[in-house]
PDB file of N, CA and C in Angstrom:
ATOM      1  N   UNK A   1     -70.304 115.515   6.103  1.00  0.00           N
ATOM      2  CA  UNK A   1     -70.256 116.087   7.439  1.00  0.00           C
ATOM      3  C   UNK A   1     -71.667 116.218   8.001  1.00  0.00           C
ATOM      4  N   UNK A   2     -72.576 116.675   7.151  1.00  0.00           N
ATOM      5  CA  UNK A   2     -73.962 116.855   7.598  1.00  0.00           C
ATOM      6  C   UNK A   2     -74.591 115.515   7.980  1.00  0.00           C
ATOM      7  N   UNK A   3     -74.277 114.466   7.212  1.00  0.00           N
ATOM      8  CA  UNK A   3     -74.813 113.136   7.498  1.00  0.00           C
ATOM      9  C   UNK A   3     -74.324 112.641   8.857  1.00  0.00           C
ATOM     10  N   UNK A   4     -73.060 112.885   9.159  1.00  0.00           N
ATOM     11  CA  UNK A   4     -72.511 112.461  10.449  1.00  0.00           C
ATOM     12  C   UNK A   4     -73.236 113.158  11.601  1.00  0.00           C
ATOM     13  N   UNK A   5     -73.544 114.434  11.439  1.00  0.00           N
ATOM     14  CA  UNK A   5     -74.260 115.169  12.487  1.00  0.00           C
ATOM     15  C   UNK A   5     -75.662 114.603  12.686  1.00  0.00           C
ATOM     16  N   UNK A   6     -76.289 114.216  11.586  1.00  0.00           N
ATOM     17  CA  UNK A   6     -77.633 113.632  11.683  1.00  0.00           C
ATOM     18  C   UNK A   6     -77.564 112.314  12.441  1.00  0.00           C
ATOM     19  N   UNK A   7     -76.575 111.471  12.121  1.00  0.00           N
ATOM     20  CA  UNK A   7     -76.443 110.180  12.806  1.00  0.00           C
ATOM     21  C   UNK A   7     -76.139 110.374  14.286  1.00  0.00           C
ATOM     22  N   UNK A   8     -75.330 111.356  14.609  1.00  0.00           N
ATOM     23  CA  UNK A   8     -75.032 111.631  16.018  1.00  0.00           C
ATOM     24  C   UNK A   8     -76.296 112.085  16.734  1.00  0.00           C
ATOM     25  N   UNK A   9     -77.089 112.938  16.086  1.00  0.00           N
ATOM     26  CA  UNK A   9     -78.350 113.386  16.686  1.00  0.00           C
ATOM     27  C   UNK A   9     -79.298 112.209  16.899  1.00  0.00           C
ATOM     28  N   UNK A  10     -79.355 111.309  15.922  1.00  0.00           N
ATOM     29  CA  UNK A  10     -80.195 110.116  16.068  1.00  0.00           C
ATOM     30  C   UNK A  10     -79.713 109.282  17.247  1.00  0.00           C
ATOM     31  N   UNK A  11     -78.412 109.140  17.374  1.00  0.00           N
ATOM     32  CA  UNK A  11     -77.848 108.378  18.489  1.00  0.00           C
ATOM     33  C   UNK A  11     -78.172 108.991  19.837  1.00  0.00           C
ATOM     34  N   UNK A  12     -78.093 110.310  19.930  1.00  0.00           N
ATOM     35  CA  UNK A  12     -78.403 110.999  21.184  1.00  0.00           C
ATOM     36  C   UNK A  12     -79.871 110.814  21.549  1.00  0.00           C
ATOM     37  N   UNK A  13     -80.755 110.964  20.574  1.00  0.00           N
ATOM     38  CA  UNK A  13     -82.186 110.774  20.831  1.00  0.00           C
ATOM     39  C   UNK A  13     -82.462 109.334  21.257  1.00  0.00           C
ATOM     40  N   UNK A  14     -81.860 108.387  20.579  1.00  0.00           N
ATOM     41  CA  UNK A  14     -82.059 106.976  20.935  1.00  0.00           C
ATOM     42  C   UNK A  14     -81.535 106.695  22.339  1.00  0.00           C
ATOM     43  N   UNK A  15     -80.434 107.325  22.709  1.00  0.00           N
ATOM     44  CA  UNK A  15     -79.894 107.132  24.056  1.00  0.00           C
ATOM     45  C   UNK A  15     -80.848 107.664  25.113  1.00  0.00           C
ATOM     46  N   UNK A  16     -81.519 108.770  24.798  1.00  0.00           N
ATOM     47  CA  UNK A  16     -82.475 109.329  25.757  1.00  0.00           C
ATOM     48  C   UNK A  16     -83.696 108.432  25.892  1.00  0.00           C
ATOM     49  N   UNK A  17     -84.129 107.838  24.784  1.00  0.00           N
ATOM     50  CA  UNK A  17     -85.308 106.979  24.802  1.00  0.00           C
ATOM     51  C   UNK A  17     -84.997 105.645  25.464  1.00  0.00           C
ATOM     52  N   UNK A  18     -83.828 105.100  25.176  1.00  0.00           N
ATOM     53  CA  UNK A  18     -83.466 103.794  25.724  1.00  0.00           C
ATOM     54  C   UNK A  18     -83.387 103.867  27.241  1.00  0.00           C
ATOM     55  N   UNK A  19     -83.874 102.843  27.880  1.00  0.00           N
ATOM     56  CA  UNK A  19     -83.802 102.787  29.325  1.00  0.00           C
ATOM     57  C   UNK A  19     -84.971 103.442  30.018  1.00  0.00           C
ATOM     58  N   UNK A  20     -86.018 103.809  29.289  1.00  0.00           N
ATOM     59  CA  UNK A  20     -87.170 104.451  29.910  1.00  0.00           C
ATOM     60  C   UNK A  20     -88.022 103.461  30.696  1.00  0.00           C
ATOM     61  N   UNK A  21     -88.032 102.218  30.295  1.00  0.00           N
ATOM     62  CA  UNK A  21     -88.827 101.214  30.978  1.00  0.00           C
ATOM     63  C   UNK A  21     -88.003 100.598  32.098  1.00  0.00           C
ATOM     64  N   UNK A  22     -88.638 100.416  33.236  1.00  0.00           N
ATOM     65  CA  UNK A  22     -87.993  99.811  34.389  1.00  0.00           C
ATOM     66  C   UNK A  22     -87.594  98.381  34.068  1.00  0.00           C
ATOM     67  N   UNK A  23     -86.523  97.904  34.684  1.00  0.00           N
ATOM     68  CA  UNK A  23     -86.135  96.512  34.468  1.00  0.00           C
ATOM     69  C   UNK A  23     -87.253  95.603  34.979  1.00  0.00           C
ATOM     70  N   UNK A  24     -87.425  94.436  34.370  1.00  0.00           N
ATOM     71  CA  UNK A  24     -88.514  93.539  34.779  1.00  0.00           C
ATOM     72  C   UNK A  24     -88.474  93.158  36.263  1.00  0.00           C
ATOM     73  N   UNK A  25     -87.294  92.910  36.805  1.00  0.00           N
ATOM     74  CA  UNK A  25     -87.197  92.546  38.224  1.00  0.00           C
ATOM     75  C   UNK A  25     -87.628  93.714  39.114  1.00  0.00           C
ATOM     76  N   UNK A  26     -87.241  94.932  38.746  1.00  0.00           N
ATOM     77  CA  UNK A  26     -87.648  96.107  39.524  1.00  0.00           C
ATOM     78  C   UNK A  26     -89.149  96.332  39.420  1.00  0.00           C
ATOM     79  N   UNK A  27     -89.718  96.090  38.237  1.00  0.00           N
ATOM     80  CA  UNK A  27     -91.164  96.253  38.075  1.00  0.00           C
ATOM     81  C   UNK A  27     -91.915  95.234  38.923  1.00  0.00           C
ATOM     82  N   UNK A  28     -91.410  94.010  38.987  1.00  0.00           N
ATOM     83  CA  UNK A  28     -92.050  92.971  39.806  1.00  0.00           C
ATOM     84  C   UNK A  28     -92.095  93.399  41.267  1.00  0.00           C
ATOM     85  N   UNK A  29     -91.069  94.096  41.715  1.00  0.00           N
ATOM     86  CA  UNK A  29     -91.013  94.541  43.108  1.00  0.00           C
ATOM     87  C   UNK A  29     -92.052  95.617  43.412  1.00  0.00           C
ATOM     88  N   UNK A  30     -92.575  96.290  42.387  1.00  0.00           N
ATOM     89  CA  UNK A  30     -93.564  97.341  42.626  1.00  0.00           C
ATOM     90  C   UNK A  30     -94.985  96.794  42.738  1.00  0.00           C
ATOM     91  N   UNK A  31     -95.190  95.549  42.314  1.00  0.00           N
ATOM     92  CA  UNK A  31     -96.536  94.970  42.350  1.00  0.00           C
ATOM     93  C   UNK A  31     -96.885  94.514  43.763  1.00  0.00           C
ATOM     94  N   UNK A  32     -98.152  94.590  44.097  1.00  0.00           N
ATOM     95  CA  UNK A  32     -98.615  94.249  45.444  1.00  0.00           C
ATOM     96  C   UNK A  32     -98.639  92.737  45.653  1.00  0.00           C
ATOM     97  N   UNK A  33     -98.008  92.306  46.732  1.00  0.00           N
ATOM     98  CA  UNK A  33     -98.054  90.879  47.065  1.00  0.00           C
ATOM     99  C   UNK A  33     -99.388  90.508  47.710  1.00  0.00           C
ATOM    100  N   UNK A  34    -100.204  91.509  48.019  1.00  0.00           N
ATOM    101  CA  UNK A  34    -101.535  91.268  48.580  1.00  0.00           C
ATOM    102  C   UNK A  34    -102.551  90.917  47.498  1.00  0.00           C
ATOM    103  N   UNK A  35    -102.208  91.178  46.249  1.00  0.00           N
ATOM    104  CA  UNK A  35    -103.116  90.895  45.138  1.00  0.00           C
ATOM    105  C   UNK A  35    -103.310  89.383  45.013  1.00  0.00           C
ATOM    106  N   UNK A  36    -104.557  88.919  44.837  1.00  0.00           N
ATOM    107  CA  UNK A  36    -104.797  87.473  44.714  1.00  0.00           C
ATOM    108  C   UNK A  36    -104.068  86.836  43.525  1.00  0.00           C
ATOM    109  N   UNK A  37    -103.841  87.603  42.467  1.00  0.00           N
ATOM    110  CA  UNK A  37    -103.137  87.061  41.303  1.00  0.00           C
ATOM    111  C   UNK A  37    -101.657  86.785  41.595  1.00  0.00           C
ATOM    112  N   UNK A  38    -101.105  87.450  42.613  1.00  0.00           N
ATOM    113  CA  UNK A  38     -99.679  87.355  42.922  1.00  0.00           C
ATOM    114  C   UNK A  38     -99.252  85.909  43.196  1.00  0.00           C
ATOM    115  N   UNK A  39    -100.130  85.132  43.828  1.00  0.00           N
ATOM    116  CA  UNK A  39     -99.783  83.767  44.209  1.00  0.00           C
ATOM    117  C   UNK A  39    -100.095  82.737  43.120  1.00  0.00           C
ATOM    118  N   UNK A  40    -100.563  83.178  41.975  1.00  0.00           N
ATOM    119  CA  UNK A  40    -100.921  82.243  40.899  1.00  0.00           C
ATOM    120  C   UNK A  40     -99.657  81.648  40.258  1.00  0.00           C
ATOM    121  N   UNK A  41     -99.774  80.436  39.727  1.00  0.00           N
ATOM    122  CA  UNK A  41     -98.621  79.826  39.046  1.00  0.00           C
ATOM    123  C   UNK A  41     -98.138  80.655  37.848  1.00  0.00           C
ATOM    124  N   UNK A  42     -99.086  81.307  37.151  1.00  0.00           N
ATOM    125  CA  UNK A  42     -98.703  82.135  36.002  1.00  0.00           C
ATOM    126  C   UNK A  42     -97.843  83.315  36.445  1.00  0.00           C
ATOM    127  N   UNK A  43     -98.207  83.902  37.583  1.00  0.00           N
ATOM    128  CA  UNK A  43     -97.439  85.033  38.102  1.00  0.00           C
ATOM    129  C   UNK A  43     -96.055  84.566  38.559  1.00  0.00           C
ATOM    130  N   UNK A  44     -96.012  83.448  39.254  1.00  0.00           N
ATOM    131  CA  UNK A  44     -94.716  82.929  39.705  1.00  0.00           C
ATOM    132  C   UNK A  44     -93.795  82.665  38.516  1.00  0.00           C
ATOM    133  N   UNK A  45     -94.355  82.116  37.460  1.00  0.00           N
ATOM    134  CA  UNK A  45     -93.562  81.800  36.272  1.00  0.00           C
ATOM    135  C   UNK A  45     -92.965  83.067  35.647  1.00  0.00           C
ATOM    136  N   UNK A  46     -93.768  84.101  35.512  1.00  0.00           N
ATOM    137  CA  UNK A  46     -93.255  85.316  34.867  1.00  0.00           C
ATOM    138  C   UNK A  46     -92.303  86.077  35.792  1.00  0.00           C
ATOM    139  N   UNK A  47     -92.488  85.959  37.108  1.00  0.00           N
ATOM    140  CA  UNK A  47     -91.530  86.594  38.024  1.00  0.00           C
ATOM    141  C   UNK A  47     -90.163  85.926  37.926  1.00  0.00           C
ATOM    142  N   UNK A  48     -90.147  84.612  37.723  1.00  0.00           N
ATOM    143  CA  UNK A  48     -88.875  83.909  37.518  1.00  0.00           C
ATOM    144  C   UNK A  48     -88.223  84.402  36.227  1.00  0.00           C
ATOM    145  N   UNK A  49     -89.029  84.572  35.179  1.00  0.00           N
ATOM    146  CA  UNK A  49     -88.494  85.111  33.917  1.00  0.00           C
ATOM    147  C   UNK A  49     -87.904  86.501  34.136  1.00  0.00           C
ATOM    148  N   UNK A  50     -88.583  87.310  34.940  1.00  0.00           N
ATOM    149  CA  UNK A  50     -88.102  88.672  35.204  1.00  0.00           C
ATOM    150  C   UNK A  50     -86.774  88.644  35.955  1.00  0.00           C
ATOM    151  N   UNK A  51     -86.657  87.735  36.915  1.00  0.00           N
ATOM    152  CA  UNK A  51     -85.403  87.644  37.665  1.00  0.00           C
ATOM    153  C   UNK A  51     -84.250  87.164  36.781  1.00  0.00           C
ATOM    154  N   UNK A  52     -84.560  86.330  35.809  1.00  0.00           N
ATOM    155  CA  UNK A  52     -83.526  85.787  34.924  1.00  0.00           C
ATOM    156  C   UNK A  52     -83.275  86.657  33.696  1.00  0.00           C
ATOM    157  N   UNK A  53     -84.025  87.760  33.557  1.00  0.00           N
ATOM    158  CA  UNK A  53     -83.894  88.631  32.388  1.00  0.00           C
ATOM    159  C   UNK A  53     -82.521  89.296  32.389  1.00  0.00           C
ATOM    160  N   UNK A  54     -81.810  89.119  31.307  1.00  0.00           N
ATOM    161  CA  UNK A  54     -80.494  89.734  31.165  1.00  0.00           C
ATOM    162  C   UNK A  54     -80.473  90.552  29.880  1.00  0.00           C
ATOM    163  N   UNK A  55     -79.985  91.755  29.999  1.00  0.00           N
ATOM    164  CA  UNK A  55     -79.843  92.604  28.815  1.00  0.00           C
ATOM    165  C   UNK A  55     -78.442  92.471  28.264  1.00  0.00           C
ATOM    166  N   UNK A  56     -78.375  92.523  26.957  1.00  0.00           N
ATOM    167  CA  UNK A  56     -77.062  92.559  26.321  1.00  0.00           C
ATOM    168  C   UNK A  56     -76.524  93.977  26.427  1.00  0.00           C
ATOM    169  N   UNK A  57     -75.252  94.084  26.690  1.00  0.00           N
ATOM    170  CA  UNK A  57     -74.619  95.393  26.806  1.00  0.00           C
ATOM    171  C   UNK A  57     -74.276  95.903  25.408  1.00  0.00           C
ATOM    172  N   UNK A  58     -75.018  96.902  24.970  1.00  0.00           N
ATOM    173  CA  UNK A  58     -74.763  97.509  23.661  1.00  0.00           C
ATOM    174  C   UNK A  58     -73.987  98.801  23.898  1.00  0.00           C
ATOM    175  N   UNK A  59     -72.802  98.869  23.357  1.00  0.00           N
ATOM    176  CA  UNK A  59     -71.884  99.947  23.664  1.00  0.00           C
ATOM    177  C   UNK A  59     -71.884 101.009  22.566  1.00  0.00           C
ATOM    178  N   UNK A  60     -72.172 102.256  22.963  1.00  0.00           N
ATOM    179  CA  UNK A  60     -72.180 103.365  22.012  1.00  0.00           C
ATOM    180  C   UNK A  60     -70.786 103.609  21.444  1.00  0.00           C
ATOM    181  N   UNK A  61     -69.756 103.401  22.264  1.00  0.00           N
ATOM    182  CA  UNK A  61     -68.390 103.636  21.798  1.00  0.00           C
ATOM    183  C   UNK A  61     -68.029 102.666  20.678  1.00  0.00           C
ATOM    184  N   UNK A  62     -68.394 101.400  20.858  1.00  0.00           N
ATOM    185  CA  UNK A  62     -68.126 100.414  19.806  1.00  0.00           C
ATOM    186  C   UNK A  62     -68.892 100.784  18.537  1.00  0.00           C
ATOM    187  N   UNK A  63     -70.123 101.247  18.694  1.00  0.00           N
ATOM    188  CA  UNK A  63     -70.907 101.679  17.539  1.00  0.00           C
ATOM    189  C   UNK A  63     -70.267 102.849  16.832  1.00  0.00           C
ATOM    190  N   UNK A  64     -69.688 103.756  17.600  1.00  0.00           N
ATOM    191  CA  UNK A  64     -69.020 104.919  17.024  1.00  0.00           C
ATOM    192  C   UNK A  64     -67.783 104.503  16.229  1.00  0.00           C
ATOM    193  N   UNK A  65     -67.077 103.492  16.714  1.00  0.00           N
ATOM    194  CA  UNK A  65     -65.896 103.011  15.999  1.00  0.00           C
ATOM    195  C   UNK A  65     -66.260 102.423  14.639  1.00  0.00           C
ATOM    196  N   UNK A  66     -67.430 101.820  14.544  1.00  0.00           N
ATOM    197  CA  UNK A  66     -67.876 101.245  13.275  1.00  0.00           C
ATOM    198  C   UNK A  66     -68.299 102.351  12.312  1.00  0.00           C
ATOM    199  N   UNK A  67     -68.731 103.469  12.863  1.00  0.00           N
ATOM    200  CA  UNK A  67     -69.159 104.588  12.029  1.00  0.00           C
ATOM    201  C   UNK A  67     -70.643 104.850  12.196  1.00  0.00           C
ATOM    202  N   UNK A  68     -71.206 105.685  11.327  1.00  0.00           N
ATOM    203  CA  UNK A  68     -72.624 106.044  11.455  1.00  0.00           C
ATOM    204  C   UNK A  68     -73.549 104.830  11.446  1.00  0.00           C
ATOM    205  N   UNK A  69     -73.209 103.824  10.654  1.00  0.00           N
ATOM    206  CA  UNK A  69     -74.064 102.638  10.616  1.00  0.00           C
ATOM    207  C   UNK A  69     -73.995 101.879  11.941  1.00  0.00           C
ATOM    208  N   UNK A  70     -72.843 101.914  12.577  1.00  0.00           N
ATOM    209  CA  UNK A  70     -72.692 101.273  13.884  1.00  0.00           C
ATOM    210  C   UNK A  70     -73.574 101.927  14.927  1.00  0.00           C
ATOM    211  N   UNK A  71     -73.647 103.268  14.886  1.00  0.00           N
ATOM    212  CA  UNK A  71     -74.527 103.982  15.817  1.00  0.00           C
ATOM    213  C   UNK A  71     -75.981 103.608  15.577  1.00  0.00           C
ATOM    214  N   UNK A  72     -76.349 103.477  14.310  1.00  0.00           N
ATOM    215  CA  UNK A  72     -77.725 103.088  13.990  1.00  0.00           C
ATOM    216  C   UNK A  72     -78.019 101.678  14.492  1.00  0.00           C
ATOM    217  N   UNK A  73     -77.054 100.781  14.362  1.00  0.00           N
ATOM    218  CA  UNK A  73     -77.241  99.411  14.854  1.00  0.00           C
ATOM    219  C   UNK A  73     -77.403  99.381  16.370  1.00  0.00           C
ATOM    220  N   UNK A  74     -76.575 100.141  17.076  1.00  0.00           N
ATOM    221  CA  UNK A  74     -76.679 100.188  18.536  1.00  0.00           C
ATOM    222  C   UNK A  74     -78.020 100.789  18.941  1.00  0.00           C
ATOM    223  N   UNK A  75     -78.435 101.861  18.266  1.00  0.00           N
ATOM    224  CA  UNK A  75     -79.727 102.489  18.577  1.00  0.00           C
ATOM    225  C   UNK A  75     -80.874 101.513  18.343  1.00  0.00           C
ATOM    226  N   UNK A  76     -80.821 100.774  17.248  1.00  0.00           N
ATOM    227  CA  UNK A  76     -81.876  99.792  16.962  1.00  0.00           C
ATOM    228  C   UNK A  76     -81.874  98.682  18.004  1.00  0.00           C
ATOM    229  N   UNK A  77     -80.703  98.253  18.421  1.00  0.00           N
ATOM    230  CA  UNK A  77     -80.607  97.216  19.450  1.00  0.00           C
ATOM    231  C   UNK A  77     -81.167  97.682  20.777  1.00  0.00           C
ATOM    232  N   UNK A  78     -80.874  98.915  21.137  1.00  0.00           N
ATOM    233  CA  UNK A  78     -81.397  99.452  22.397  1.00  0.00           C
ATOM    234  C   UNK A  78     -82.912  99.616  22.331  1.00  0.00           C
ATOM    235  N   UNK A  79     -83.425 100.022  21.180  1.00  0.00           N
ATOM    236  CA  UNK A  79     -84.874 100.145  21.015  1.00  0.00           C
ATOM    237  C   UNK A  79     -85.540  98.774  21.137  1.00  0.00           C
ATOM    238  N   UNK A  80     -84.916  97.762  20.563  1.00  0.00           N
ATOM    239  CA  UNK A  80     -85.453  96.399  20.654  1.00  0.00           C
ATOM    240  C   UNK A  80     -85.494  95.930  22.115  1.00  0.00           C
ATOM    241  N   UNK A  81     -84.418  96.183  22.860  1.00  0.00           N
ATOM    242  CA  UNK A  81     -84.389  95.805  24.278  1.00  0.00           C
ATOM    243  C   UNK A  81     -85.474  96.532  25.061  1.00  0.00           C
ATOM    244  N   UNK A  82     -85.690  97.798  24.742  1.00  0.00           N
ATOM    245  CA  UNK A  82     -86.740  98.582  25.405  1.00  0.00           C
ATOM    246  C   UNK A  82     -88.104  97.936  25.165  1.00  0.00           C
ATOM    247  N   UNK A  83     -88.375  97.532  23.928  1.00  0.00           N
ATOM    248  CA  UNK A  83     -89.653  96.887  23.609  1.00  0.00           C
ATOM    249  C   UNK A  83     -89.803  95.570  24.354  1.00  0.00           C
ATOM    250  N   UNK A  84     -88.729  94.808  24.436  1.00  0.00           N
ATOM    251  CA  UNK A  84     -88.791  93.525  25.135  1.00  0.00           C
ATOM    252  C   UNK A  84     -89.048  93.723  26.629  1.00  0.00           C
ATOM    253  N   UNK A  85     -88.403  94.725  27.235  1.00  0.00           N
ATOM    254  CA  UNK A  85     -88.650  95.029  28.656  1.00  0.00           C
ATOM    255  C   UNK A  85     -90.100  95.424  28.870  1.00  0.00           C
ATOM    256  N   UNK A  86     -90.608  96.262  27.966  1.00  0.00           N
ATOM    257  CA  UNK A  86     -91.986  96.736  28.093  1.00  0.00           C
ATOM    258  C   UNK A  86     -92.977  95.583  27.929  1.00  0.00           C
ATOM    259  N   UNK A  87     -92.731  94.695  26.973  1.00  0.00           N
ATOM    260  CA  UNK A  87     -93.615  93.541  26.777  1.00  0.00           C
ATOM    261  C   UNK A  87     -93.603  92.614  27.991  1.00  0.00           C
ATOM    262  N   UNK A  88     -92.426  92.399  28.565  1.00  0.00           N
ATOM    263  CA  UNK A  88     -92.333  91.540  29.747  1.00  0.00           C
ATOM    264  C   UNK A  88     -93.039  92.185  30.937  1.00  0.00           C
ATOM    265  N   UNK A  89     -92.859  93.491  31.118  1.00  0.00           N
ATOM    266  CA  UNK A  89     -93.538  94.194  32.211  1.00  0.00           C
ATOM    267  C   UNK A  89     -95.052  94.167  32.012  1.00  0.00           C
ATOM    268  N   UNK A  90     -95.500  94.317  30.780  1.00  0.00           N
ATOM    269  CA  UNK A  90     -96.937  94.274  30.478  1.00  0.00           C
ATOM    270  C   UNK A  90     -97.510  92.901  30.818  1.00  0.00           C
ATOM    271  N   UNK A  91     -96.826  91.856  30.372  1.00  0.00           N
ATOM    272  CA  UNK A  91     -97.287  90.489  30.639  1.00  0.00           C
ATOM    273  C   UNK A  91     -97.287  90.202  32.142  1.00  0.00           C
ATOM    274  N   UNK A  92     -96.271  90.700  32.835  1.00  0.00           N
ATOM    275  CA  UNK A  92     -96.202  90.506  34.280  1.00  0.00           C
ATOM    276  C   UNK A  92     -97.373  91.196  34.970  1.00  0.00           C
ATOM    277  N   UNK A  93     -97.689  92.402  34.543  1.00  0.00           N
ATOM    278  CA  UNK A  93     -98.807  93.124  35.141  1.00  0.00           C
ATOM    279  C   UNK A  93    -100.116  92.362  34.907  1.00  0.00           C
ATOM    280  N   UNK A  94    -100.290  91.859  33.687  1.00  0.00           N
ATOM    281  CA  UNK A  94    -101.518  91.132  33.360  1.00  0.00           C
ATOM    282  C   UNK A  94    -101.660  89.868  34.213  1.00  0.00           C
ATOM    283  N   UNK A  95    -100.544  89.192  34.487  1.00  0.00           N
ATOM    284  CA  UNK A  95    -100.596  87.936  35.239  1.00  0.00           C
ATOM    285  C   UNK A  95    -100.587  88.126  36.753  1.00  0.00           C
ATOM    286  N   UNK A  96    -100.037  89.235  37.236  1.00  0.00           N
ATOM    287  CA  UNK A  96     -99.794  89.381  38.673  1.00  0.00           C
ATOM    288  C   UNK A  96    -100.599  90.478  39.354  1.00  0.00           C
ATOM    289  N   UNK A  97    -101.350  91.272  38.616  1.00  0.00           N
ATOM    290  CA  UNK A  97    -102.052  92.395  39.225  1.00  0.00           C
ATOM    291  C   UNK A  97    -103.485  92.484  38.723  1.00  0.00           C
ATOM    292  N   UNK A  98    -104.378  92.812  39.650  1.00  0.00           N
ATOM    293  CA  UNK A  98    -105.782  93.019  39.289  1.00  0.00           C
ATOM    294  C   UNK A  98    -106.050  94.469  38.906  1.00  0.00           C
ATOM    295  N   UNK A  99    -105.069  95.335  39.116  1.00  0.00           N
ATOM    296  CA  UNK A  99    -105.227  96.754  38.789  1.00  0.00           C
ATOM    297  C   UNK A  99    -105.240  96.951  37.278  1.00  0.00           C
ATOM    298  N   UNK A 100    -105.834  98.066  36.814  1.00  0.00           N
ATOM    299  CA  UNK A 100    -105.806  98.349  35.366  1.00  0.00           C
ATOM    300  C   UNK A 100    -104.362  98.515  34.879  1.00  0.00           C
ATOM    301  N   UNK A 101    -104.167  98.236  33.629  1.00  0.00           N
ATOM    302  CA  UNK A 101    -102.848  98.347  33.018  1.00  0.00           C
ATOM    303  C   UNK A 101    -102.414  99.812  32.995  1.00  0.00           C
ATOM    304  N   UNK A 102    -101.213 100.132  33.485  1.00  0.00           N
ATOM    305  CA  UNK A 102    -100.738 101.523  33.439  1.00  0.00           C
ATOM    306  C   UNK A 102    -100.618 102.009  31.992  1.00  0.00           C
ATOM    307  N   UNK A 103    -100.740 103.323  31.812  1.00  0.00           N
ATOM    308  CA  UNK A 103    -100.699 103.903  30.463  1.00  0.00           C
ATOM    309  C   UNK A 103     -99.427 103.532  29.704  1.00  0.00           C
ATOM    310  N   UNK A 104     -98.290 103.535  30.395  1.00  0.00           N
ATOM    311  CA  UNK A 104     -97.034 103.252  29.693  1.00  0.00           C
ATOM    312  C   UNK A 104     -96.927 101.803  29.221  1.00  0.00           C
ATOM    313  N   UNK A 105     -97.806 100.927  29.708  1.00  0.00           N
ATOM    314  CA  UNK A 105     -97.796  99.528  29.271  1.00  0.00           C
ATOM    315  C   UNK A 105     -98.968  99.198  28.358  1.00  0.00           C
ATOM    316  N   UNK A 106     -99.758 100.201  27.993  1.00  0.00           N
ATOM    317  CA  UNK A 106    -100.902  99.972  27.111  1.00  0.00           C
ATOM    318  C   UNK A 106    -100.426  99.966  25.660  1.00  0.00           C
ATOM    319  N   UNK A 107     -99.812  98.864  25.301  1.00  0.00           N
ATOM    320  CA  UNK A 107     -99.327  98.669  23.939  1.00  0.00           C
ATOM    321  C   UNK A 107     -99.964  97.402  23.401  1.00  0.00           C
ATOM    322  N   UNK A 108    -100.032  97.309  22.092  1.00  0.00           N
ATOM    323  CA  UNK A 108    -100.569  96.105  21.469  1.00  0.00           C
ATOM    324  C   UNK A 108     -99.416  95.122  21.295  1.00  0.00           C
ATOM    325  N   UNK A 109     -99.430  94.010  22.035  1.00  0.00           N
ATOM    326  CA  UNK A 109     -98.301  93.088  21.957  1.00  0.00           C
ATOM    327  C   UNK A 109     -98.067  92.518  20.561  1.00  0.00           C
ATOM    328  N   UNK A 110     -99.118  92.367  19.770  1.00  0.00           N
ATOM    329  CA  UNK A 110     -98.926  91.801  18.429  1.00  0.00           C
ATOM    330  C   UNK A 110     -98.155  92.765  17.527  1.00  0.00           C
ATOM    331  N   UNK A 111     -98.431  94.058  17.624  1.00  0.00           N
ATOM    332  CA  UNK A 111     -97.685  95.017  16.803  1.00  0.00           C
ATOM    333  C   UNK A 111     -96.281  95.217  17.352  1.00  0.00           C
ATOM    334  N   UNK A 112     -96.131  95.170  18.670  1.00  0.00           N
ATOM    335  CA  UNK A 112     -94.800  95.324  19.258  1.00  0.00           C
ATOM    336  C   UNK A 112     -93.921  94.129  18.899  1.00  0.00           C
ATOM    337  N   UNK A 113     -94.488  92.926  18.910  1.00  0.00           N
ATOM    338  CA  UNK A 113     -93.728  91.735  18.532  1.00  0.00           C
ATOM    339  C   UNK A 113     -93.350  91.798  17.060  1.00  0.00           C
ATOM    340  N   UNK A 114     -94.292  92.220  16.225  1.00  0.00           N
ATOM    341  CA  UNK A 114     -94.039  92.276  14.784  1.00  0.00           C
ATOM    342  C   UNK A 114     -92.936  93.279  14.463  1.00  0.00           C
ATOM    343  N   UNK A 115     -92.975  94.439  15.116  1.00  0.00           N
ATOM    344  CA  UNK A 115     -91.963  95.454  14.822  1.00  0.00           C
ATOM    345  C   UNK A 115     -90.611  95.085  15.411  1.00  0.00           C
ATOM    346  N   UNK A 116     -90.590  94.345  16.513  1.00  0.00           N
ATOM    347  CA  UNK A 116     -89.307  93.984  17.101  1.00  0.00           C
ATOM    348  C   UNK A 116     -88.684  92.772  16.426  1.00  0.00           C
ATOM    349  N   UNK A 117     -89.471  92.003  15.681  1.00  0.00           N
ATOM    350  CA  UNK A 117     -88.902  90.849  14.990  1.00  0.00           C
ATOM    351  C   UNK A 117     -88.473  91.187  13.574  1.00  0.00           C
ATOM    352  N   UNK A 118     -88.776  92.390  13.116  1.00  0.00           N
ATOM    353  CA  UNK A 118     -88.382  92.764  11.751  1.00  0.00           C
ATOM    354  C   UNK A 118     -86.996  93.332  11.691  1.00  0.00           C
TER     355      UNK A 118
END
């Protein structure tokens, strides 16, 4: 019983964390089109990637049906999607904006890639 409560608490915390990063298409809309980098081919390429970015729908209910391990799998999947959104937003900022990188995007892409591929 205690283990189930712990898994539910982990699921609730993961649900709160998941979705903190703006979708890539929405983030692209916040960048200034007046920036000289905006018209670069690199920026155009990553904006197309942002528009085509699709998230997989990970369902907490389905995870609950599988049991505590299912909740952990859904939480891990949502965390992975969060990292991918953040990496795409970071790359978009680097290619499309001359402004300094915002604090929430100041992550090391090599460590984020390594942890998301494990």
